[in-house]
Each structure stands twice: as structure tokens, then as C-alpha cells.
Amino acid sequence: GECNPLHGKRVENIISSLEKNEAPDKYEYVDEDIFSGETSVKNIEVDGKGYAVKILGK
């Protein structure tokens, strides 16, 4: 998988389930977004389609 700040809470929940001897869901889906720690790029375009860049806080 790719680095995605949205994975954190989901991974935490999976670990918690395993610690309780519960079976986590076989598949987890994370919404795809574009993240940056820089504020210089607000949008990018790929194949004619524009995508907003989500700026990460510190």
C-alpha cells in the first residue's frame, strides 16, 4: 500500500480487533486523495482531469 494518512485509524482498529481475538474484515478500502505538506500546489491535473491537493497540518 501507499503512504496515506487515512490508514492510521483503520490500522489502529484492526490491531485492536486482533488484540481482542476478533477477526478483522478481510479487506479495507481507503479513499484515495492527494496529500502534501507543502502549500505551493493546490491542484494537479492528470489526463485533463483536475484534482485538489489536501494540505496536511503539522
N, C-alpha and C. Protein backbone atom coordinates (compact mmCIF):
# COMPACT_ATOMS: atom_id res chain seq x y z
N GLY A 1 0.81 -1.18 0.00
CA GLY A 1 0.00 0.00 0.00
C GLY A 1 0.85 1.24 0.00
N GLU A 2 0.24 2.30 -0.39
CA GLU A 2 0.91 3.59 -0.40
C GLU A 2 0.80 4.26 0.95
N CYS A 3 1.67 5.21 1.18
CA CYS A 3 1.60 6.00 2.40
C CYS A 3 0.37 6.91 2.30
N ASN A 4 -0.51 6.82 3.26
CA ASN A 4 -1.74 7.59 3.24
C ASN A 4 -2.11 7.89 4.69
N PRO A 5 -2.25 9.16 5.06
CA PRO A 5 -2.56 9.47 6.45
C PRO A 5 -3.92 8.95 6.91
N LEU A 6 -4.76 8.51 5.97
CA LEU A 6 -6.05 7.97 6.35
C LEU A 6 -5.96 6.52 6.84
N HIS A 7 -4.80 5.88 6.66
CA HIS A 7 -4.62 4.50 7.10
C HIS A 7 -4.54 4.38 8.62
N GLY A 8 -4.04 5.38 9.30
CA GLY A 8 -3.74 5.28 10.72
C GLY A 8 -4.87 4.76 11.59
N LYS A 9 -6.02 5.37 11.54
CA LYS A 9 -7.14 4.97 12.39
C LYS A 9 -7.63 3.57 12.02
N ARG A 10 -7.63 3.26 10.75
CA ARG A 10 -8.07 1.92 10.32
C ARG A 10 -7.12 0.85 10.82
N VAL A 11 -5.83 1.10 10.74
CA VAL A 11 -4.85 0.13 11.24
C VAL A 11 -4.99 -0.03 12.75
N GLU A 12 -5.20 1.07 13.43
CA GLU A 12 -5.41 1.03 14.88
C GLU A 12 -6.61 0.14 15.22
N ASN A 13 -7.69 0.26 14.47
CA ASN A 13 -8.89 -0.56 14.71
C ASN A 13 -8.63 -2.04 14.42
N ILE A 14 -7.86 -2.32 13.39
CA ILE A 14 -7.52 -3.71 13.07
C ILE A 14 -6.70 -4.32 14.20
N ILE A 15 -5.70 -3.60 14.68
CA ILE A 15 -4.87 -4.10 15.77
C ILE A 15 -5.71 -4.33 17.01
N SER A 16 -6.60 -3.40 17.31
CA SER A 16 -7.49 -3.54 18.47
C SER A 16 -8.35 -4.80 18.34
N SER A 17 -8.88 -5.05 17.16
CA SER A 17 -9.68 -6.26 16.93
C SER A 17 -8.86 -7.52 17.17
N LEU A 18 -7.64 -7.53 16.64
CA LEU A 18 -6.78 -8.70 16.81
C LEU A 18 -6.43 -8.93 18.27
N GLU A 19 -6.20 -7.85 19.01
CA GLU A 19 -5.89 -7.98 20.44
C GLU A 19 -7.06 -8.56 21.23
N LYS A 20 -8.27 -8.37 20.72
CA LYS A 20 -9.47 -8.91 21.37
C LYS A 20 -9.84 -10.28 20.79
N ASN A 21 -8.93 -10.86 20.01
CA ASN A 21 -9.17 -12.14 19.33
C ASN A 21 -10.38 -12.11 18.40
N GLU A 22 -10.66 -10.94 17.84
CA GLU A 22 -11.72 -10.79 16.86
C GLU A 22 -11.10 -10.81 15.47
N ALA A 23 -11.85 -11.29 14.52
CA ALA A 23 -11.35 -11.32 13.14
C ALA A 23 -11.70 -9.99 12.45
N PRO A 24 -10.70 -9.26 12.01
CA PRO A 24 -10.99 -8.02 11.28
C PRO A 24 -11.53 -8.34 9.90
N ASP A 25 -12.12 -7.34 9.26
CA ASP A 25 -12.58 -7.52 7.88
C ASP A 25 -11.41 -7.96 7.01
N LYS A 26 -11.70 -8.79 6.03
CA LYS A 26 -10.65 -9.30 5.15
C LYS A 26 -10.07 -8.18 4.29
N TYR A 27 -10.90 -7.24 3.88
CA TYR A 27 -10.45 -6.14 3.03
C TYR A 27 -10.78 -4.81 3.69
N GLU A 28 -9.88 -3.85 3.54
CA GLU A 28 -10.11 -2.48 4.00
C GLU A 28 -9.87 -1.57 2.80
N TYR A 29 -10.77 -0.65 2.59
CA TYR A 29 -10.64 0.28 1.49
C TYR A 29 -10.46 1.69 2.03
N VAL A 30 -9.51 2.40 1.46
CA VAL A 30 -9.23 3.77 1.88
C VAL A 30 -9.48 4.68 0.68
N ASP A 31 -10.21 5.75 0.92
CA ASP A 31 -10.43 6.72 -0.14
C ASP A 31 -9.09 7.28 -0.61
N GLU A 32 -8.95 7.41 -1.91
CA GLU A 32 -7.70 7.93 -2.44
C GLU A 32 -7.78 9.44 -2.55
N ASP A 33 -6.74 10.08 -2.11
CA ASP A 33 -6.61 11.53 -2.20
C ASP A 33 -5.15 11.85 -2.45
N ILE A 34 -4.91 13.10 -2.71
CA ILE A 34 -3.55 13.59 -2.91
C ILE A 34 -3.22 14.47 -1.72
N PHE A 35 -2.12 14.17 -1.04
CA PHE A 35 -1.74 14.89 0.16
C PHE A 35 -0.38 15.54 -0.03
N SER A 36 -0.21 16.67 0.65
CA SER A 36 1.08 17.36 0.61
C SER A 36 1.29 18.11 1.91
N GLY A 37 2.53 18.22 2.30
CA GLY A 37 2.89 19.05 3.44
C GLY A 37 3.24 20.46 2.99
N GLU A 38 3.28 20.68 1.70
CA GLU A 38 3.60 21.98 1.13
C GLU A 38 2.32 22.67 0.67
N THR A 39 2.30 23.98 0.77
CA THR A 39 1.11 24.74 0.36
C THR A 39 1.24 25.33 -1.04
N SER A 40 2.35 25.08 -1.71
CA SER A 40 2.59 25.72 -3.01
C SER A 40 1.75 25.13 -4.15
N VAL A 41 1.29 23.90 -4.01
CA VAL A 41 0.50 23.27 -5.07
C VAL A 41 -0.90 22.99 -4.52
N LYS A 42 -1.89 23.64 -5.09
CA LYS A 42 -3.27 23.49 -4.62
C LYS A 42 -4.04 22.43 -5.41
N ASN A 43 -3.69 22.29 -6.69
CA ASN A 43 -4.36 21.35 -7.59
C ASN A 43 -3.34 20.76 -8.54
N ILE A 44 -3.64 19.56 -9.03
CA ILE A 44 -2.83 18.99 -10.10
C ILE A 44 -3.79 18.50 -11.18
N GLU A 45 -3.26 18.33 -12.38
CA GLU A 45 -4.07 17.84 -13.48
C GLU A 45 -3.41 16.60 -14.08
N VAL A 46 -4.19 15.55 -14.26
CA VAL A 46 -3.70 14.31 -14.86
C VAL A 46 -4.69 13.91 -15.96
N ASP A 47 -4.18 13.75 -17.15
CA ASP A 47 -5.02 13.37 -18.30
C ASP A 47 -6.24 14.27 -18.43
N GLY A 48 -6.04 15.56 -18.21
CA GLY A 48 -7.12 16.52 -18.40
C GLY A 48 -8.10 16.64 -17.24
N LYS A 49 -7.89 15.88 -16.18
CA LYS A 49 -8.79 15.94 -15.03
C LYS A 49 -8.06 16.58 -13.86
N GLY A 50 -8.72 17.53 -13.20
CA GLY A 50 -8.12 18.23 -12.08
C GLY A 50 -8.40 17.56 -10.75
N TYR A 51 -7.42 17.60 -9.86
CA TYR A 51 -7.54 17.01 -8.52
C TYR A 51 -7.05 18.01 -7.49
N ALA A 52 -7.83 18.18 -6.44
CA ALA A 52 -7.43 19.06 -5.35
C ALA A 52 -6.39 18.35 -4.48
N VAL A 53 -5.42 19.10 -4.01
CA VAL A 53 -4.39 18.58 -3.11
C VAL A 53 -4.78 18.95 -1.69
N LYS A 54 -4.84 17.96 -0.82
CA LYS A 54 -5.16 18.21 0.59
C LYS A 54 -3.87 18.50 1.34
N ILE A 55 -3.84 19.65 1.99
CA ILE A 55 -2.65 20.06 2.73
C ILE A 55 -2.71 19.45 4.13
N LEU A 56 -1.63 18.79 4.50
CA LEU A 56 -1.55 18.17 5.82
C LEU A 56 -1.06 19.17 6.84
N GLY A 57 -1.65 19.15 8.02
CA GLY A 57 -1.20 20.00 9.11
C GLY A 57 -0.02 19.37 9.82
N LYS A 58 0.60 20.15 10.65
CA LYS A 58 1.75 19.64 11.41
C LYS A 58 1.31 19.11 12.74
